C-alpha atoms as a PDB file:
ATOM      1  CA  MET A   1       9.629   6.329  -4.923  1.00  0.00           C
ATOM      2  CA  ILE A   2       6.039   5.160  -5.300  1.00  0.00           C
ATOM      3  CA  VAL A   3       4.529   2.362  -3.199  1.00  0.00           C
ATOM      4  CA  TYR A   4       1.385   0.539  -4.295  1.00  0.00           C
ATOM      5  CA  LEU A   5      -0.425  -1.328  -1.507  1.00  0.00           C
ATOM      6  CA  TYR A   6      -2.490  -4.414  -2.301  1.00  0.00           C
ATOM      7  CA  PHE A   7      -5.001  -6.188  -0.057  1.00  0.00           C
ATOM      8  CA  LYS A   8      -6.975  -9.224  -1.256  1.00  0.00           C
ATOM      9  CA  ASN A   9      -5.642  -8.746  -4.817  1.00  0.00           C
ATOM     10  CA  ALA A  10      -6.976  -5.164  -5.040  1.00  0.00           C
ATOM     11  CA  GLN A  11      -4.870  -2.010  -5.100  1.00  0.00           C
ATOM     12  CA  VAL A  12      -6.038  -0.126  -2.016  1.00  0.00           C
ATOM     13  CA  ALA A  13      -3.507   2.712  -1.785  1.00  0.00           C
ATOM     14  CA  LYS A  14      -0.699   4.524  -3.610  1.00  0.00           C
ATOM     15  CA  TYR A  15       1.839   6.718  -1.817  1.00  0.00           C
ATOM     16  CA  GLU A  16       5.102   8.530  -2.509  1.00  0.00           C
ATOM     17  CA  VAL A  17       7.670   7.505   0.089  1.00  0.00           C
ATOM     18  CA  ASP A  18      11.362   7.924   0.808  1.00  0.00           C
ATOM     19  CA  ALA A  19      11.882   4.297   1.869  1.00  0.00           C
ATOM     20  CA  VAL A  20       9.954   1.049   1.413  1.00  0.00           C
ATOM     21  CA  PRO A  21       8.773  -0.627   4.643  1.00  0.00           C
ATOM     22  CA  PRO A  22      10.324  -4.075   5.157  1.00  0.00           C
ATOM     23  CA  ILE A  23       8.361  -7.332   5.175  1.00  0.00           C
ATOM     24  CA  GLY A  24       6.821  -7.783   8.611  1.00  0.00           C
ATOM     25  CA  ALA A  25       6.427  -4.044   9.252  1.00  0.00           C
ATOM     26  CA  ILE A  26       3.095  -2.738  10.540  1.00  0.00           C
ATOM     27  CA  ILE A  27       1.922   0.243   8.474  1.00  0.00           C
ATOM     28  CA  GLU A  28      -1.070   2.591   8.610  1.00  0.00           C
ATOM     29  CA  PHE A  29      -2.741   3.854   5.461  1.00  0.00           C
ATOM     30  CA  ARG A  30      -6.036   5.188   4.083  1.00  0.00           C
ATOM     31  CA  MET A  31      -8.102   2.867   1.929  1.00  0.00           C
ATOM     32  CA  LYS A  32      -8.449   4.372  -1.558  1.00  0.00           C
ATOM     33  CA  LYS A  33     -10.842   1.577  -2.546  1.00  0.00           C
ATOM     34  CA  ALA A  34     -13.384  -0.389  -0.484  1.00  0.00           C
ATOM     35  CA  VAL A  35     -12.476  -4.056   0.035  1.00  0.00           C
ATOM     36  CA  GLY A  36     -14.656  -6.370   2.115  1.00  0.00           C
ATOM     37  CA  GLN A  37     -15.662  -4.699   5.369  1.00  0.00           C
ATOM     38  CA  PHE A  38     -13.142  -1.858   4.945  1.00  0.00           C
ATOM     39  CA  GLN A  39     -14.635   1.203   3.279  1.00  0.00           C
ATOM     40  CA  GLU A  40     -12.953   3.798   1.077  1.00  0.00           C
ATOM     41  CA  GLY A  41     -11.338   6.529   3.184  1.00  0.00           C
ATOM     42  CA  TRP A  42     -10.945   4.417   6.331  1.00  0.00           C
ATOM     43  CA  LEU A  43      -7.663   4.587   8.209  1.00  0.00           C
ATOM     44  CA  VAL A  44      -6.424   1.011   8.597  1.00  0.00           C
ATOM     45  CA  ARG A  45      -3.356  -0.827   9.849  1.00  0.00           C
ATOM     46  CA  GLY A  46      -1.821  -3.859   8.157  1.00  0.00           C
ATOM     47  CA  LYS A  47       1.269  -6.026   8.114  1.00  0.00           C
ATOM     48  CA  VAL A  48       3.499  -6.069   5.029  1.00  0.00           C
ATOM     49  CA  SER A  49       3.541  -9.703   3.935  1.00  0.00           C
ATOM     50  CA  SER A  50       5.364  -9.576   0.596  1.00  0.00           C
ATOM     51  CA  ASP A  51       6.858  -7.274  -1.967  1.00  0.00           C
ATOM     52  CA  GLN A  52       7.622  -7.358  -5.677  1.00  0.00           C
ATOM     53  CA  PRO A  53      10.840  -6.306  -7.415  1.00  0.00           C
ATOM     54  CA  PRO A  54      10.981  -2.541  -8.062  1.00  0.00           C
ATOM     55  CA  GLU A  55       9.879  -1.232 -11.466  1.00  0.00           C
ATOM     56  CA  TYR A  56       9.703   2.221 -13.002  1.00  0.00           C
ATOM     57  CA  ASP A  57       6.367   4.054 -13.125  1.00  0.00           C
ATOM     58  CA  PHE A  58       6.312   5.766 -16.526  1.00  0.00           C
ATOM     59  CA  GLU A  59       2.902   7.427 -15.938  1.00  0.00           C
ATOM     60  CA  THR A  60       4.632  10.381 -14.284  1.00  0.00           C
ATOM     61  CA  ILE A  61       6.503  13.174 -16.082  1.00  0.00           C
ATOM     62  CA  ALA A  62       9.808  11.993 -14.597  1.00  0.00           C
ATOM     63  CA  PRO A  63       9.745   8.194 -14.197  1.00  0.00           C
ATOM     64  CA  LYS A  64       9.912   7.095 -10.560  1.00  0.00           C
ATOM     65  CA  LEU A  65      10.821   3.804  -8.997  1.00  0.00           C
ATOM     66  CA  ALA A  66       7.682   1.908  -7.936  1.00  0.00           C
ATOM     67  CA  VAL A  67       7.280  -1.039  -5.546  1.00  0.00           C
ATOM     68  CA  SER A  68       4.148  -3.137  -4.995  1.00  0.00           C
ATOM     69  CA  LEU A  69       3.518  -4.409  -1.450  1.00  0.00           C
ATOM     70  CA  THR A  70       0.923  -6.884  -0.236  1.00  0.00           C
ATOM     71  CA  VAL A  71      -0.576  -6.306   3.207  1.00  0.00           C
ATOM     72  CA  ASN A  72      -2.561  -8.692   5.393  1.00  0.00           C
ATOM     73  CA  ASP A  73      -3.979  -8.773   8.928  1.00  0.00           C
ATOM     74  CA  VAL A  74      -5.694  -5.464   8.157  1.00  0.00           C
ATOM     75  CA  GLN A  75      -7.618  -3.826  11.004  1.00  0.00           C
ATOM     76  CA  ALA A  76      -9.528  -0.545  11.213  1.00  0.00           C
ATOM     77  CA  CYS A  77      -7.904   2.218  13.306  1.00  0.00           C
ATOM     78  CA  LEU A  78      -9.647   4.655  15.612  1.00  0.00           C
ATOM     79  CA  GLU A  79      -9.398   8.239  14.424  1.00  0.00           C
END
């Protein structure tokens, strides 16, 4: 399954996962795109605030289920 992470209406990460984190979960991820004060490549932590119904991602050879999640309360992590 593919998870797309959105922060401030921008896609900031894309990961293959076995399970989708529930709303309210705190997750860590690497920013794939700079948004506001958070730069590309930074390790950040955010809270899952909403999700969208699953869809199929047909850009892969074998279509995979894809879910879009919105995160908020994002903070930089120490590495």
